[in-house]
Amino acid sequence: MGRVQGVGYRYALRDEARRLGVAGWVRNCSDGSVEALLQGDAAVLEALIAWARRGPRLAQVDELRDEPPQAHDDRPYAGFEIWPSA
């Protein structure tokens, strides 16, 4: 996803994902970026990705990368949660 600091991005993404019915997770990475795995219908994922490009009110999102999941993460998720930092 991208680099964010102190704007509540993970919590806002979680709340928006739950509102839209998207499953998966979000976490901070050691380099200061945020990583997320999203699962859901294509139209709903597009809506969440569009939201993620803006982020919450105080966020400044400079880059968003959309990549396939790593093999070890490619499994069904039941809800959306915040994972510990990687």
C-alpha atoms as a PDB file:
ATOM      1  CA  MET A   1       0.000   0.000   0.000  1.00  0.00           C
ATOM      2  CA  GLY A   2       2.023   2.990   1.135  1.00  0.00           C
ATOM      3  CA  ARG A   3       3.831   4.917   3.849  1.00  0.00           C
ATOM      4  CA  VAL A   4       1.652   6.525   6.556  1.00  0.00           C
ATOM      5  CA  GLN A   5       2.331   7.850  10.037  1.00  0.00           C
ATOM      6  CA  GLY A   6      -0.026   8.771  12.867  1.00  0.00           C
ATOM      7  CA  VAL A   7      -3.266   9.245  10.924  1.00  0.00           C
ATOM      8  CA  GLY A   8      -5.171   6.105  11.992  1.00  0.00           C
ATOM      9  CA  TYR A   9      -4.975   4.646   8.498  1.00  0.00           C
ATOM     10  CA  ARG A  10      -5.150   0.982   9.574  1.00  0.00           C
ATOM     11  CA  TYR A  11      -8.182   1.554  11.789  1.00  0.00           C
ATOM     12  CA  ALA A  12      -9.955   3.610   9.139  1.00  0.00           C
ATOM     13  CA  LEU A  13      -9.220   0.967   6.476  1.00  0.00           C
ATOM     14  CA  ARG A  14     -10.508  -1.766   8.771  1.00  0.00           C
ATOM     15  CA  ASP A  15     -13.715   0.168   9.435  1.00  0.00           C
ATOM     16  CA  GLU A  16     -14.284   0.861   5.726  1.00  0.00           C
ATOM     17  CA  ALA A  17     -13.548  -2.770   4.807  1.00  0.00           C
ATOM     18  CA  ARG A  18     -16.027  -4.016   7.396  1.00  0.00           C
ATOM     19  CA  ARG A  19     -18.635  -1.505   6.197  1.00  0.00           C
ATOM     20  CA  LEU A  20     -18.232  -2.803   2.636  1.00  0.00           C
ATOM     21  CA  GLY A  21     -18.105  -6.479   3.646  1.00  0.00           C
ATOM     22  CA  VAL A  22     -14.484  -7.010   2.584  1.00  0.00           C
ATOM     23  CA  ALA A  23     -12.439  -9.733   4.319  1.00  0.00           C
ATOM     24  CA  GLY A  24      -8.689  -9.721   4.968  1.00  0.00           C
ATOM     25  CA  TRP A  25      -6.216  -7.792   7.085  1.00  0.00           C
ATOM     26  CA  VAL A  26      -4.078  -4.664   7.337  1.00  0.00           C
ATOM     27  CA  ARG A  27      -0.760  -4.068   9.144  1.00  0.00           C
ATOM     28  CA  ASN A  28       2.146  -1.651   9.422  1.00  0.00           C
ATOM     29  CA  CYS A  29       5.488  -2.703   7.958  1.00  0.00           C
ATOM     30  CA  SER A  30       8.923  -1.994   9.424  1.00  0.00           C
ATOM     31  CA  ASP A  31       9.718   0.449   6.591  1.00  0.00           C
ATOM     32  CA  GLY A  32       6.773   2.684   7.587  1.00  0.00           C
ATOM     33  CA  SER A  33       4.436   1.456   4.847  1.00  0.00           C
ATOM     34  CA  VAL A  34       1.058  -0.212   5.288  1.00  0.00           C
ATOM     35  CA  GLU A  35       0.229  -3.597   3.797  1.00  0.00           C
ATOM     36  CA  ALA A  36      -3.233  -5.084   3.360  1.00  0.00           C
ATOM     37  CA  LEU A  37      -4.827  -8.180   1.906  1.00  0.00           C
ATOM     38  CA  LEU A  38      -8.359  -7.669   0.590  1.00  0.00           C
ATOM     39  CA  GLN A  39     -10.950 -10.277  -0.408  1.00  0.00           C
ATOM     40  CA  GLY A  40     -14.419  -9.677  -1.786  1.00  0.00           C
ATOM     41  CA  ASP A  41     -16.464  -9.039  -4.905  1.00  0.00           C
ATOM     42  CA  ALA A  42     -14.644  -7.087  -7.615  1.00  0.00           C
ATOM     43  CA  ALA A  43     -16.903  -4.014  -7.426  1.00  0.00           C
ATOM     44  CA  VAL A  44     -16.575  -3.803  -3.646  1.00  0.00           C
ATOM     45  CA  LEU A  45     -12.801  -4.229  -3.844  1.00  0.00           C
ATOM     46  CA  GLU A  46     -12.629  -1.427  -6.398  1.00  0.00           C
ATOM     47  CA  ALA A  47     -14.567   0.824  -4.017  1.00  0.00           C
ATOM     48  CA  LEU A  48     -12.238   0.003  -1.105  1.00  0.00           C
ATOM     49  CA  ILE A  49      -9.128   0.497  -3.235  1.00  0.00           C
ATOM     50  CA  ALA A  50     -10.471   3.877  -4.372  1.00  0.00           C
ATOM     51  CA  TRP A  51     -10.990   4.783  -0.701  1.00  0.00           C
ATOM     52  CA  ALA A  52      -7.475   3.512   0.145  1.00  0.00           C
ATOM     53  CA  ARG A  53      -5.964   5.852  -2.469  1.00  0.00           C
ATOM     54  CA  ARG A  54      -7.398   8.789  -0.440  1.00  0.00           C
ATOM     55  CA  GLY A  55      -7.330   7.276   3.051  1.00  0.00           C
ATOM     56  CA  PRO A  56      -8.756   8.947   6.136  1.00  0.00           C
ATOM     57  CA  ARG A  57      -9.058  12.716   6.394  1.00  0.00           C
ATOM     58  CA  LEU A  58      -5.481  13.427   7.590  1.00  0.00           C
ATOM     59  CA  ALA A  59      -3.740  10.886   5.345  1.00  0.00           C
ATOM     60  CA  GLN A  60      -1.584  11.691   2.357  1.00  0.00           C
ATOM     61  CA  VAL A  61      -1.327   8.591   0.177  1.00  0.00           C
ATOM     62  CA  ASP A  62       1.501   8.885  -2.338  1.00  0.00           C
ATOM     63  CA  GLU A  63       1.405   5.392  -3.810  1.00  0.00           C
ATOM     64  CA  LEU A  64      -0.816   2.338  -3.811  1.00  0.00           C
ATOM     65  CA  ARG A  65       0.340  -0.943  -5.343  1.00  0.00           C
ATOM     66  CA  ASP A  66      -2.141  -3.676  -6.227  1.00  0.00           C
ATOM     67  CA  GLU A  67      -0.372  -7.046  -6.275  1.00  0.00           C
ATOM     68  CA  PRO A  68      -1.501 -10.685  -6.001  1.00  0.00           C
ATOM     69  CA  PRO A  69      -1.192 -12.187  -2.503  1.00  0.00           C
ATOM     70  CA  GLN A  70       1.842 -14.167  -1.415  1.00  0.00           C
ATOM     71  CA  ALA A  71       1.220 -17.932  -1.541  1.00  0.00           C
ATOM     72  CA  HIS A  72       1.185 -18.243   2.274  1.00  0.00           C
ATOM     73  CA  ASP A  73      -1.522 -15.524   2.542  1.00  0.00           C
ATOM     74  CA  ASP A  74      -3.729 -16.851  -0.265  1.00  0.00           C
ATOM     75  CA  ARG A  75      -6.515 -18.436   1.781  1.00  0.00           C
ATOM     76  CA  PRO A  76     -10.059 -17.402   2.707  1.00  0.00           C
ATOM     77  CA  TYR A  77     -10.474 -14.857   5.525  1.00  0.00           C
ATOM     78  CA  ALA A  78     -13.724 -14.601   7.505  1.00  0.00           C
ATOM     79  CA  GLY A  79     -13.572 -10.943   8.594  1.00  0.00           C
ATOM     80  CA  PHE A  80     -11.241  -7.979   8.478  1.00  0.00           C
ATOM     81  CA  GLU A  81      -8.648  -7.413  11.183  1.00  0.00           C
ATOM     82  CA  ILE A  82      -5.577  -5.408  12.079  1.00  0.00           C
ATOM     83  CA  TRP A  83      -2.518  -7.618  12.254  1.00  0.00           C
ATOM     84  CA  PRO A  84       0.632  -6.923  14.288  1.00  0.00           C
ATOM     85  CA  SER A  85       3.348  -4.983  12.491  1.00  0.00           C
ATOM     86  CA  ALA A  86       5.614  -6.946  10.184  1.00  0.00           C
END
